[in-house]
Amino acid sequence: MNSNIDKIQTLFFNEFAKNKIDLNQTFILGISGGPDSMWMLNLMKKKNIIVACVNYNHRENSDIDQKIVEDFCAKHHIKYELLILKKEDEKEVGNFQKIARNQRYLFYAQVYKKYDADCLLLAHQKDDLIETYLFQKQTKRNPSFFGIKQTNKLHNMNIFRPMLHLWYKNEIIDFCATYNIPYAIDYTNNLPIYTRNKIRLELKKISNLDKDLLAKQISEINSKLTSKNKEIETKYLFFEDSFFSYKTLDFNDKDINEILFMYLHKNIADLKLSKNKIESFKKFLLSQKNYKAFLVNDNTKVIKDKGFLKIIKTPKN
């Protein structure tokens, strides 16, 4: 059995090596108490880690999840930070997933800063990648990348998902059973109340072999998107080199919306953009009114100044 866990551990740590992530760094681990995150915590328990756990109080037995995380951390002398949220108001129930995600990442960012961490580890696995792709397709999204990226940045955090290309959830549950890793099951994940949940339930009917074929398709789609994104990046850099002179832009270019998206996304932190917002921004640039301002969000606007674009921060009222 020891040789098996050694092989699993090597496979897991190889993901860090592939992404040039030093295992001697300080890591924050986002741990929910579910099988995926508890398995990741077990594999990382001897490293320099701090656990960040959120209890959303979204269901009556969520304290069990919290207790599992606390007990594991106490047993293995692991530092942990806990955020306990009040039960959501009725009016917020429909938005629960979005609200929970925002609160979770803001908490992670606080813990990350407190411990001067180098990287946040999240326990997304292969089912999550496929589920996200299917969600994007069903909701007619047109992202620059399908599924989930293994590495990204948010709120000044380096984020890494070491299990994203390694295992499916049923494999992780088997590992937890074999190596006696405690975990909780969130029964709300199996209720068909959100689009993602419905997709998750459908995925359970598909074999891992068939899911592997789907994952390969996603990888091929992303390879093509990567080539396209490099073209767009080149065009964006030309725009950037002009000090954002909008008169250098070709508004008939097939990639103009993506170039404008890149301009706003690269220069305004944590920005959410819709297709309609990009279209409105394009109309603003084509307008003959040189000093007209375009409101990006509550505290940011873009102005046209003598042929150049400038981003202006405005204080919130």
C-alpha atoms as a PDB file:
ATOM      1  CA  MET A   1       0.000   0.000   0.000  1.00  0.00           C
ATOM      2  CA  ASN A   2       2.865   2.406   0.795  1.00  0.00           C
ATOM      3  CA  SER A   3       4.288   1.970  -2.701  1.00  0.00           C
ATOM      4  CA  ASN A   4       0.878   2.863  -4.163  1.00  0.00           C
ATOM      5  CA  ILE A   5       0.558   6.077  -2.160  1.00  0.00           C
ATOM      6  CA  ASP A   6       4.145   6.956  -3.135  1.00  0.00           C
ATOM      7  CA  LYS A   7       3.220   6.592  -6.818  1.00  0.00           C
ATOM      8  CA  ILE A   8       0.085   8.702  -6.327  1.00  0.00           C
ATOM      9  CA  GLN A   9       2.075  11.355  -4.457  1.00  0.00           C
ATOM     10  CA  THR A  10       4.709  11.440  -7.219  1.00  0.00           C
ATOM     11  CA  LEU A  11       2.010  11.821  -9.863  1.00  0.00           C
ATOM     12  CA  PHE A  12       0.483  14.677  -7.864  1.00  0.00           C
ATOM     13  CA  PHE A  13       3.772  16.498  -7.247  1.00  0.00           C
ATOM     14  CA  ASN A  14       4.750  16.113 -10.914  1.00  0.00           C
ATOM     15  CA  GLU A  15       1.927  18.551 -11.727  1.00  0.00           C
ATOM     16  CA  PHE A  16       3.784  21.181  -9.698  1.00  0.00           C
ATOM     17  CA  ALA A  17       7.023  20.452 -11.562  1.00  0.00           C
ATOM     18  CA  LYS A  18       5.269  20.706 -14.948  1.00  0.00           C
ATOM     19  CA  ASN A  19       4.019  24.157 -13.995  1.00  0.00           C
ATOM     20  CA  LYS A  20       7.345  25.201 -12.412  1.00  0.00           C
ATOM     21  CA  ILE A  21       5.795  25.635  -8.972  1.00  0.00           C
ATOM     22  CA  ASP A  22       8.212  25.252  -6.064  1.00  0.00           C
ATOM     23  CA  LEU A  23       6.876  22.816  -3.466  1.00  0.00           C
ATOM     24  CA  ASN A  24       8.816  24.656  -0.745  1.00  0.00           C
ATOM     25  CA  GLN A  25       6.616  27.729  -1.111  1.00  0.00           C
ATOM     26  CA  THR A  26       3.842  28.789   1.260  1.00  0.00           C
ATOM     27  CA  PHE A  27       0.481  27.499   0.046  1.00  0.00           C
ATOM     28  CA  ILE A  28      -3.065  28.413   0.993  1.00  0.00           C
ATOM     29  CA  LEU A  29      -5.418  25.453   0.454  1.00  0.00           C
ATOM     30  CA  GLY A  30      -9.105  26.071  -0.190  1.00  0.00           C
ATOM     31  CA  ILE A  31     -10.685  23.175   1.715  1.00  0.00           C
ATOM     32  CA  SER A  32     -14.430  22.528   1.912  1.00  0.00           C
ATOM     33  CA  GLY A  33     -14.474  19.162   3.678  1.00  0.00           C
ATOM     34  CA  GLY A  34     -15.609  17.341   0.526  1.00  0.00           C
ATOM     35  CA  PRO A  35     -13.690  14.360  -0.925  1.00  0.00           C
ATOM     36  CA  ASP A  36     -11.737  16.348  -3.540  1.00  0.00           C
ATOM     37  CA  SER A  37     -10.349  18.969  -1.179  1.00  0.00           C
ATOM     38  CA  MET A  38      -9.718  16.518   1.683  1.00  0.00           C
ATOM     39  CA  TRP A  39      -7.747  14.258  -0.672  1.00  0.00           C
ATOM     40  CA  MET A  40      -5.676  17.240  -1.816  1.00  0.00           C
ATOM     41  CA  LEU A  41      -5.139  18.270   1.813  1.00  0.00           C
ATOM     42  CA  ASN A  42      -3.917  14.763   2.646  1.00  0.00           C
ATOM     43  CA  LEU A  43      -1.384  14.868  -0.205  1.00  0.00           C
ATOM     44  CA  MET A  44      -0.135  18.317   0.904  1.00  0.00           C
ATOM     45  CA  LYS A  45      -0.231  17.791   4.678  1.00  0.00           C
ATOM     46  CA  LYS A  46       3.567  17.709   5.124  1.00  0.00           C
ATOM     47  CA  LYS A  47       4.165  20.896   3.133  1.00  0.00           C
ATOM     48  CA  ASN A  48       4.133  24.523   4.275  1.00  0.00           C
ATOM     49  CA  ILE A  49       0.378  25.030   4.121  1.00  0.00           C
ATOM     50  CA  ILE A  50      -2.444  27.031   5.661  1.00  0.00           C
ATOM     51  CA  VAL A  51      -6.007  25.794   5.234  1.00  0.00           C
ATOM     52  CA  ALA A  52      -8.798  28.248   4.411  1.00  0.00           C
ATOM     53  CA  CYS A  53     -12.286  26.860   5.043  1.00  0.00           C
ATOM     54  CA  VAL A  54     -15.675  28.529   4.516  1.00  0.00           C
ATOM     55  CA  ASN A  55     -18.866  27.364   6.229  1.00  0.00           C
ATOM     56  CA  TYR A  56     -21.716  28.871   4.187  1.00  0.00           C
ATOM     57  CA  ASN A  57     -24.467  27.625   6.522  1.00  0.00           C
ATOM     58  CA  HIS A  58     -26.389  26.827   3.350  1.00  0.00           C
ATOM     59  CA  ARG A  59     -27.632  23.479   4.677  1.00  0.00           C
ATOM     60  CA  GLU A  60     -28.437  22.170   8.131  1.00  0.00           C
ATOM     61  CA  ASN A  61     -25.463  19.770   8.361  1.00  0.00           C
ATOM     62  CA  SER A  62     -22.699  22.089   7.084  1.00  0.00           C
ATOM     63  CA  ASP A  63     -21.098  22.044  10.560  1.00  0.00           C
ATOM     64  CA  ILE A  64     -20.092  18.429   9.861  1.00  0.00           C
ATOM     65  CA  ASP A  65     -17.907  19.573   6.935  1.00  0.00           C
ATOM     66  CA  GLN A  66     -16.295  22.227   9.123  1.00  0.00           C
ATOM     67  CA  LYS A  67     -15.619  19.722  11.928  1.00  0.00           C
ATOM     68  CA  ILE A  68     -13.950  17.275   9.505  1.00  0.00           C
ATOM     69  CA  VAL A  69     -11.572  20.015   8.320  1.00  0.00           C
ATOM     70  CA  GLU A  70     -10.839  21.248  11.857  1.00  0.00           C
ATOM     71  CA  ASP A  71     -10.178  17.741  13.190  1.00  0.00           C
ATOM     72  CA  PHE A  72      -7.846  16.856  10.300  1.00  0.00           C
ATOM     73  CA  CYS A  73      -5.893  20.100  10.768  1.00  0.00           C
ATOM     74  CA  ALA A  74      -5.641  19.563  14.531  1.00  0.00           C
ATOM     75  CA  LYS A  75      -4.456  15.964  14.069  1.00  0.00           C
ATOM     76  CA  HIS A  76      -1.721  16.981  11.618  1.00  0.00           C
ATOM     77  CA  HIS A  77      -0.806  20.315  13.284  1.00  0.00           C
ATOM     78  CA  ILE A  78      -1.887  22.381  10.279  1.00  0.00           C
ATOM     79  CA  LYS A  79      -2.754  26.072  10.606  1.00  0.00           C
ATOM     80  CA  TYR A  80      -6.235  26.899   9.441  1.00  0.00           C
ATOM     81  CA  GLU A  81      -8.462  29.943   9.002  1.00  0.00           C
ATOM     82  CA  LEU A  82     -12.234  29.686   9.141  1.00  0.00           C
ATOM     83  CA  LEU A  83     -14.983  31.928   7.767  1.00  0.00           C
ATOM     84  CA  ILE A  84     -18.517  31.237   9.015  1.00  0.00           C
ATOM     85  CA  LEU A  85     -21.247  32.993   7.063  1.00  0.00           C
ATOM     86  CA  LYS A  86     -24.734  33.731   8.341  1.00  0.00           C
ATOM     87  CA  LYS A  87     -27.640  31.909   6.749  1.00  0.00           C
ATOM     88  CA  GLU A  88     -28.545  33.642   3.499  1.00  0.00           C
ATOM     89  CA  ASP A  89     -31.656  35.786   3.222  1.00  0.00           C
ATOM     90  CA  GLU A  90     -34.492  34.341   1.159  1.00  0.00           C
ATOM     91  CA  LYS A  91     -33.976  36.986  -1.528  1.00  0.00           C
ATOM     92  CA  GLU A  92     -30.370  35.835  -1.952  1.00  0.00           C
ATOM     93  CA  VAL A  93     -31.108  32.135  -2.455  1.00  0.00           C
ATOM     94  CA  GLY A  94     -31.284  32.349  -6.260  1.00  0.00           C
ATOM     95  CA  ASN A  95     -27.898  34.035  -6.362  1.00  0.00           C
ATOM     96  CA  PHE A  96     -26.315  31.758  -3.769  1.00  0.00           C
ATOM     97  CA  GLN A  97     -23.627  30.234  -5.987  1.00  0.00           C
ATOM     98  CA  LYS A  98     -22.418  33.618  -7.238  1.00  0.00           C
ATOM     99  CA  ILE A  99     -22.474  35.193  -3.767  1.00  0.00           C
ATOM    100  CA  ALA A 100     -20.711  32.185  -2.232  1.00  0.00           C
ATOM    101  CA  ARG A 101     -17.970  32.269  -4.864  1.00  0.00           C
ATOM    102  CA  ASN A 102     -17.309  35.981  -4.354  1.00  0.00           C
ATOM    103  CA  GLN A 103     -17.175  35.640  -0.564  1.00  0.00           C
ATOM    104  CA  ARG A 104     -14.956  32.567  -0.808  1.00  0.00           C
ATOM    105  CA  TYR A 105     -12.342  34.206  -3.026  1.00  0.00           C
ATOM    106  CA  LEU A 106     -12.288  37.423  -0.994  1.00  0.00           C
ATOM    107  CA  PHE A 107     -11.646  35.310   2.114  1.00  0.00           C
ATOM    108  CA  TYR A 108      -8.897  33.375   0.350  1.00  0.00           C
ATOM    109  CA  ALA A 109      -7.295  36.686  -0.649  1.00  0.00           C
ATOM    110  CA  GLN A 110      -7.340  37.888   2.978  1.00  0.00           C
ATOM    111  CA  VAL A 111      -5.683  34.686   4.210  1.00  0.00           C
ATOM    112  CA  TYR A 112      -3.216  34.778   1.300  1.00  0.00           C
ATOM    113  CA  LYS A 113      -2.154  38.304   2.255  1.00  0.00           C
ATOM    114  CA  LYS A 114      -2.043  37.559   6.002  1.00  0.00           C
ATOM    115  CA  TYR A 115       0.465  34.720   5.540  1.00  0.00           C
ATOM    116  CA  ASP A 116       2.320  36.318   2.620  1.00  0.00           C
ATOM    117  CA  ALA A 117       1.544  33.171   0.632  1.00  0.00           C
ATOM    118  CA  ASP A 118       2.915  32.289  -2.792  1.00  0.00           C
ATOM    119  CA  CYS A 119       0.086  30.201  -4.216  1.00  0.00           C
ATOM    120  CA  LEU A 120      -3.544  29.212  -3.626  1.00  0.00           C
ATOM    121  CA  LEU A 121      -4.340  25.544  -4.297  1.00  0.00           C
ATOM    122  CA  LEU A 122      -7.848  24.517  -5.329  1.00  0.00           C
ATOM    123  CA  ALA A 123      -9.125  20.948  -5.611  1.00  0.00           C
ATOM    124  CA  HIS A 124     -10.849  21.049  -9.002  1.00  0.00           C
ATOM    125  CA  GLN A 125     -10.636  17.692 -10.783  1.00  0.00           C
ATOM    126  CA  LYS A 126     -11.412  16.277 -14.235  1.00  0.00           C
ATOM    127  CA  ASP A 127     -15.186  16.184 -13.752  1.00  0.00           C
ATOM    128  CA  ASP A 128     -15.129  19.891 -12.862  1.00  0.00           C
ATOM    129  CA  LEU A 129     -13.292  20.694 -16.090  1.00  0.00           C
ATOM    130  CA  ILE A 130     -15.847  18.827 -18.242  1.00  0.00           C
ATOM    131  CA  GLU A 131     -18.779  20.172 -16.232  1.00  0.00           C
ATOM    132  CA  THR A 132     -17.586  23.749 -16.777  1.00  0.00           C
ATOM    133  CA  TYR A 133     -17.178  23.151 -20.510  1.00  0.00           C
ATOM    134  CA  LEU A 134     -20.719  21.754 -20.807  1.00  0.00           C
ATOM    135  CA  PHE A 135     -22.064  24.652 -18.736  1.00  0.00           C
ATOM    136  CA  GLN A 136     -20.330  27.143 -21.050  1.00  0.00           C
ATOM    137  CA  LYS A 137     -21.825  25.422 -24.099  1.00  0.00           C
ATOM    138  CA  GLN A 138     -25.337  25.181 -22.643  1.00  0.00           C
ATOM    139  CA  THR A 139     -25.366  28.844 -21.627  1.00  0.00           C
ATOM    140  CA  LYS A 140     -23.959  29.836 -25.047  1.00  0.00           C
ATOM    141  CA  ARG A 141     -20.752  31.340 -23.650  1.00  0.00           C
ATOM    142  CA  ASN A 142     -17.923  32.183 -26.014  1.00  0.00           C
ATOM    143  CA  PRO A 143     -14.845  32.232 -23.755  1.00  0.00           C
ATOM    144  CA  SER A 144     -11.207  32.511 -24.774  1.00  0.00           C
ATOM    145  CA  PHE A 145     -10.681  29.171 -22.996  1.00  0.00           C
ATOM    146  CA  PHE A 146     -13.145  26.315 -22.403  1.00  0.00           C
ATOM    147  CA  GLY A 147     -13.308  24.469 -19.106  1.00  0.00           C
ATOM    148  CA  ILE A 148     -10.999  25.558 -16.287  1.00  0.00           C
ATOM    149  CA  LYS A 149      -7.426  26.810 -16.513  1.00  0.00           C
ATOM    150  CA  GLN A 150      -4.938  24.942 -14.364  1.00  0.00           C
ATOM    151  CA  THR A 151      -3.271  28.215 -13.382  1.00  0.00           C
ATOM    152  CA  ASN A 152      -4.649  31.745 -13.211  1.00  0.00           C
ATOM    153  CA  LYS A 153      -4.530  34.918 -11.134  1.00  0.00           C
ATOM    154  CA  LEU A 154      -7.285  36.586  -9.128  1.00  0.00           C
ATOM    155  CA  HIS A 155      -7.221  39.240  -6.403  1.00  0.00           C
ATOM    156  CA  ASN A 156      -3.400  39.262  -6.599  1.00  0.00           C
ATOM    157  CA  MET A 157      -3.257  35.512  -5.911  1.00  0.00           C
ATOM    158  CA  ASN A 158      -1.437  32.870  -7.964  1.00  0.00           C
ATOM    159  CA  ILE A 159      -3.943  30.027  -8.281  1.00  0.00           C
ATOM    160  CA  PHE A 160      -3.060  26.414  -9.125  1.00  0.00           C
ATOM    161  CA  ARG A 161      -5.297  23.354  -9.520  1.00  0.00           C
ATOM    162  CA  PRO A 162      -2.953  20.338  -9.233  1.00  0.00           C
ATOM    163  CA  MET A 163      -5.653  17.650  -9.670  1.00  0.00           C
ATOM    164  CA  LEU A 164      -7.388  19.162 -12.706  1.00  0.00           C
ATOM    165  CA  HIS A 165      -5.850  16.714 -15.209  1.00  0.00           C
ATOM    166  CA  LEU A 166      -5.257  13.766 -12.864  1.00  0.00           C
ATOM    167  CA  TRP A 167      -8.428  12.158 -11.514  1.00  0.00           C
ATOM    168  CA  TYR A 168     -12.211  12.004 -11.694  1.00  0.00           C
ATOM    169  CA  LYS A 169     -14.331  12.343  -8.564  1.00  0.00           C
ATOM    170  CA  ASN A 170     -15.134   8.610  -8.368  1.00  0.00           C
ATOM    171  CA  GLU A 171     -11.381   7.855  -8.393  1.00  0.00           C
ATOM    172  CA  ILE A 172     -10.790  10.383  -5.607  1.00  0.00           C
ATOM    173  CA  ILE A 173     -13.602   8.877  -3.527  1.00  0.00           C
ATOM    174  CA  ASP A 174     -11.949   5.466  -3.967  1.00  0.00           C
ATOM    175  CA  PHE A 175      -8.615   6.926  -2.787  1.00  0.00           C
ATOM    176  CA  CYS A 176     -10.297   8.420   0.290  1.00  0.00           C
ATOM    177  CA  ALA A 177     -11.850   5.039   1.112  1.00  0.00           C
ATOM    178  CA  THR A 178      -8.562   3.167   0.594  1.00  0.00           C
ATOM    179  CA  TYR A 179      -6.480   5.553   2.710  1.00  0.00           C
ATOM    180  CA  ASN A 180      -9.140   6.371   5.339  1.00  0.00           C
ATOM    181  CA  ILE A 181      -9.433  10.054   4.510  1.00  0.00           C
ATOM    182  CA  PRO A 182     -12.570  11.535   6.115  1.00  0.00           C
ATOM    183  CA  TYR A 183     -14.864  13.713   4.020  1.00  0.00           C
ATOM    184  CA  ALA A 184     -18.400  15.081   3.897  1.00  0.00           C
ATOM    185  CA  ILE A 185     -20.882  14.905   1.042  1.00  0.00           C
ATOM    186  CA  ASP A 186     -22.845  18.032   0.144  1.00  0.00           C
ATOM    187  CA  TYR A 187     -26.218  16.536  -0.772  1.00  0.00           C
ATOM    188  CA  THR A 188     -27.317  19.838  -2.403  1.00  0.00           C
ATOM    189  CA  ASN A 189     -24.869  19.083  -5.246  1.00  0.00           C
ATOM    190  CA  ASN A 190     -27.163  16.223  -6.235  1.00  0.00           C
ATOM    191  CA  LEU A 191     -30.332  18.328  -6.296  1.00  0.00           C
ATOM    192  CA  PRO A 192     -31.324  19.482  -9.816  1.00  0.00           C
ATOM    193  CA  ILE A 193     -31.782  23.106  -8.685  1.00  0.00           C
ATOM    194  CA  TYR A 194     -28.933  24.711 -10.646  1.00  0.00           C
ATOM    195  CA  THR A 195     -27.826  24.236 -14.258  1.00  0.00           C
ATOM    196  CA  ARG A 196     -24.436  22.997 -13.030  1.00  0.00           C
ATOM    197  CA  ASN A 197     -26.075  20.423 -10.778  1.00  0.00           C
ATOM    198  CA  LYS A 198     -28.131  19.069 -13.671  1.00  0.00           C
ATOM    199  CA  ILE A 199     -24.968  18.736 -15.760  1.00  0.00           C
ATOM    200  CA  ARG A 200     -23.180  17.048 -12.851  1.00  0.00           C
ATOM    201  CA  LEU A 201     -25.962  14.487 -12.523  1.00  0.00           C
ATOM    202  CA  GLU A 202     -25.816  13.721 -16.257  1.00  0.00           C
ATOM    203  CA  LEU A 203     -22.030  13.281 -16.094  1.00  0.00           C
ATOM    204  CA  LYS A 204     -22.460  10.555 -13.475  1.00  0.00           C
ATOM    205  CA  LYS A 205     -24.074   8.401 -16.174  1.00  0.00           C
ATOM    206  CA  ILE A 206     -20.990   8.613 -18.420  1.00  0.00           C
ATOM    207  CA  SER A 207     -17.990   6.281 -18.088  1.00  0.00           C
ATOM    208  CA  ASN A 208     -14.535   7.674 -17.363  1.00  0.00           C
ATOM    209  CA  LEU A 209     -13.415   6.403 -20.769  1.00  0.00           C
ATOM    210  CA  ASP A 210     -16.089   8.447 -22.547  1.00  0.00           C
ATOM    211  CA  LYS A 211     -15.255  11.447 -20.374  1.00  0.00           C
ATOM    212  CA  ASP A 212     -11.604  11.071 -21.405  1.00  0.00           C
ATOM    213  CA  LEU A 213     -12.680  11.387 -25.049  1.00  0.00           C
ATOM    214  CA  LEU A 214     -14.638  14.523 -24.194  1.00  0.00           C
ATOM    215  CA  ALA A 215     -11.658  15.941 -22.285  1.00  0.00           C
ATOM    216  CA  LYS A 216      -9.485  15.314 -25.360  1.00  0.00           C
ATOM    217  CA  GLN A 217     -11.975  17.239 -27.515  1.00  0.00           C
ATOM    218  CA  ILE A 218     -11.886  20.140 -25.056  1.00  0.00           C
ATOM    219  CA  SER A 219      -8.078  20.141 -25.197  1.00  0.00           C
ATOM    220  CA  GLU A 220      -8.147  20.258 -29.013  1.00  0.00           C
ATOM    221  CA  ILE A 221     -10.649  23.139 -28.988  1.00  0.00           C
ATOM    222  CA  ASN A 222      -8.456  25.035 -26.531  1.00  0.00           C
ATOM    223  CA  SER A 223      -5.354  24.461 -28.699  1.00  0.00           C
ATOM    224  CA  LYS A 224      -7.119  26.195 -31.590  1.00  0.00           C
ATOM    225  CA  LEU A 225      -8.299  28.968 -29.292  1.00  0.00           C
ATOM    226  CA  THR A 226      -4.739  29.436 -28.025  1.00  0.00           C
ATOM    227  CA  SER A 227      -3.522  30.019 -31.598  1.00  0.00           C
ATOM    228  CA  LYS A 228      -6.329  32.491 -32.169  1.00  0.00           C
ATOM    229  CA  ASN A 229      -5.595  34.228 -28.860  1.00  0.00           C
ATOM    230  CA  LYS A 230      -1.945  34.682 -29.874  1.00  0.00           C
ATOM    231  CA  GLU A 231      -3.102  36.503 -33.019  1.00  0.00           C
ATOM    232  CA  ILE A 232      -5.371  38.733 -30.954  1.00  0.00           C
ATOM    233  CA  GLU A 233      -2.552  39.358 -28.458  1.00  0.00           C
ATOM    234  CA  THR A 234      -0.283  40.530 -31.313  1.00  0.00           C
ATOM    235  CA  LYS A 235      -2.952  42.959 -32.513  1.00  0.00           C
ATOM    236  CA  TYR A 236      -3.529  44.161 -28.966  1.00  0.00           C
ATOM    237  CA  LEU A 237       0.199  44.797 -28.456  1.00  0.00           C
ATOM    238  CA  PHE A 238       0.224  46.954 -31.586  1.00  0.00           C
ATOM    239  CA  PHE A 239      -2.652  48.951 -30.057  1.00  0.00           C
ATOM    240  CA  GLU A 240      -0.766  49.153 -26.745  1.00  0.00           C
ATOM    241  CA  ASP A 241       2.408  50.357 -28.502  1.00  0.00           C
ATOM    242  CA  SER A 242       0.372  53.230 -29.965  1.00  0.00           C
ATOM    243  CA  PHE A 243      -0.358  54.338 -26.376  1.00  0.00           C
ATOM    244  CA  PHE A 244      -3.943  53.231 -27.002  1.00  0.00           C
ATOM    245  CA  SER A 245      -4.652  55.479 -29.932  1.00  0.00           C
ATOM    246  CA  TYR A 246      -8.105  54.244 -30.932  1.00  0.00           C
ATOM    247  CA  LYS A 247      -7.577  55.715 -34.395  1.00  0.00           C
ATOM    248  CA  THR A 248      -5.085  52.891 -35.072  1.00  0.00           C
ATOM    249  CA  LEU A 249      -7.837  50.291 -34.616  1.00  0.00           C
ATOM    250  CA  ASP A 250      -9.425  48.585 -37.602  1.00  0.00           C
ATOM    251  CA  PHE A 251     -13.093  48.364 -36.659  1.00  0.00           C
ATOM    252  CA  ASN A 252     -13.717  45.980 -39.572  1.00  0.00           C
ATOM    253  CA  ASP A 253     -11.219  43.487 -38.139  1.00  0.00           C
ATOM    254  CA  LYS A 254     -12.927  40.170 -37.306  1.00  0.00           C
ATOM    255  CA  ASP A 255     -11.185  40.236 -33.918  1.00  0.00           C
ATOM    256  CA  ILE A 256     -12.034  43.823 -32.957  1.00  0.00           C
ATOM    257  CA  ASN A 257     -14.387  42.801 -30.122  1.00  0.00           C
ATOM    258  CA  GLU A 258     -11.735  40.510 -28.649  1.00  0.00           C
ATOM    259  CA  ILE A 259      -9.108  43.282 -28.874  1.00  0.00           C
ATOM    260  CA  LEU A 260     -11.432  45.687 -27.044  1.00  0.00           C
ATOM    261  CA  PHE A 261     -12.202  43.001 -24.462  1.00  0.00           C
ATOM    262  CA  MET A 262      -8.475  42.490 -23.912  1.00  0.00           C
ATOM    263  CA  TYR A 263      -7.895  46.237 -23.510  1.00  0.00           C
ATOM    264  CA  LEU A 264     -10.541  46.560 -20.800  1.00  0.00           C
ATOM    265  CA  HIS A 265      -9.694  43.278 -19.092  1.00  0.00           C
ATOM    266  CA  LYS A 266      -5.945  43.912 -18.929  1.00  0.00           C
ATOM    267  CA  ASN A 267      -6.277  47.476 -17.658  1.00  0.00           C
ATOM    268  CA  ILE A 268      -9.179  47.214 -15.200  1.00  0.00           C
ATOM    269  CA  ALA A 269      -8.912  44.675 -12.371  1.00  0.00           C
ATOM    270  CA  ASP A 270     -11.569  42.001 -11.689  1.00  0.00           C
ATOM    271  CA  LEU A 271     -13.830  43.199 -14.489  1.00  0.00           C
ATOM    272  CA  LYS A 272     -16.874  41.270 -15.707  1.00  0.00           C
ATOM    273  CA  LEU A 273     -17.785  42.019 -19.328  1.00  0.00           C
ATOM    274  CA  SER A 274     -20.767  41.032 -21.457  1.00  0.00           C
ATOM    275  CA  LYS A 275     -21.052  41.034 -25.258  1.00  0.00           C
ATOM    276  CA  ASN A 276     -23.458  43.965 -25.004  1.00  0.00           C
ATOM    277  CA  LYS A 277     -20.919  45.938 -22.973  1.00  0.00           C
ATOM    278  CA  ILE A 278     -18.240  45.382 -25.623  1.00  0.00           C
ATOM    279  CA  GLU A 279     -20.656  46.436 -28.390  1.00  0.00           C
ATOM    280  CA  SER A 280     -21.509  49.605 -26.445  1.00  0.00           C
ATOM    281  CA  PHE A 281     -17.805  50.325 -25.974  1.00  0.00           C
ATOM    282  CA  LYS A 282     -17.211  49.917 -29.708  1.00  0.00           C
ATOM    283  CA  LYS A 283     -20.033  52.386 -30.487  1.00  0.00           C
ATOM    284  CA  PHE A 284     -18.468  54.814 -28.022  1.00  0.00           C
ATOM    285  CA  LEU A 285     -15.131  54.605 -29.856  1.00  0.00           C
ATOM    286  CA  LEU A 286     -16.801  55.172 -33.224  1.00  0.00           C
ATOM    287  CA  SER A 287     -18.696  58.196 -31.921  1.00  0.00           C
ATOM    288  CA  GLN A 288     -17.493  61.578 -33.190  1.00  0.00           C
ATOM    289  CA  LYS A 289     -17.773  63.137 -29.715  1.00  0.00           C
ATOM    290  CA  ASN A 290     -14.122  63.183 -28.732  1.00  0.00           C
ATOM    291  CA  TYR A 291     -14.459  63.855 -25.005  1.00  0.00           C
ATOM    292  CA  LYS A 292     -17.459  61.662 -24.260  1.00  0.00           C
ATOM    293  CA  ALA A 293     -16.894  59.225 -21.351  1.00  0.00           C
ATOM    294  CA  PHE A 294     -17.782  55.527 -21.321  1.00  0.00           C
ATOM    295  CA  LEU A 295     -18.813  54.162 -17.918  1.00  0.00           C
ATOM    296  CA  VAL A 296     -17.257  50.708 -17.475  1.00  0.00           C
ATOM    297  CA  ASN A 297     -18.501  50.136 -13.931  1.00  0.00           C
ATOM    298  CA  ASP A 298     -19.474  52.142 -10.846  1.00  0.00           C
ATOM    299  CA  ASN A 299     -16.023  53.615 -10.327  1.00  0.00           C
ATOM    300  CA  THR A 300     -14.237  53.354 -13.679  1.00  0.00           C
ATOM    301  CA  LYS A 301     -14.706  55.167 -16.974  1.00  0.00           C
ATOM    302  CA  VAL A 302     -12.819  55.419 -20.259  1.00  0.00           C
ATOM    303  CA  ILE A 303     -12.406  58.784 -21.961  1.00  0.00           C
ATOM    304  CA  LYS A 304     -11.192  59.786 -25.410  1.00  0.00           C
ATOM    305  CA  ASP A 305      -8.487  62.430 -25.145  1.00  0.00           C
ATOM    306  CA  LYS A 306      -7.001  63.781 -28.383  1.00  0.00           C
ATOM    307  CA  GLY A 307      -7.246  60.405 -30.111  1.00  0.00           C
ATOM    308  CA  PHE A 308      -6.039  58.348 -27.132  1.00  0.00           C
ATOM    309  CA  LEU A 309      -7.935  56.264 -24.587  1.00  0.00           C
ATOM    310  CA  LYS A 310      -7.490  56.937 -20.888  1.00  0.00           C
ATOM    311  CA  ILE A 311      -8.927  55.029 -17.945  1.00  0.00           C
ATOM    312  CA  ILE A 312     -10.198  57.208 -15.110  1.00  0.00           C
ATOM    313  CA  LYS A 313     -10.999  55.950 -11.633  1.00  0.00           C
ATOM    314  CA  THR A 314     -13.889  57.751  -9.950  1.00  0.00           C
ATOM    315  CA  PRO A 315     -14.587  57.478  -6.209  1.00  0.00           C
ATOM    316  CA  LYS A 316     -17.757  55.646  -5.182  1.00  0.00           C
ATOM    317  CA  ASN A 317     -20.484  57.846  -3.726  1.00  0.00           C
END
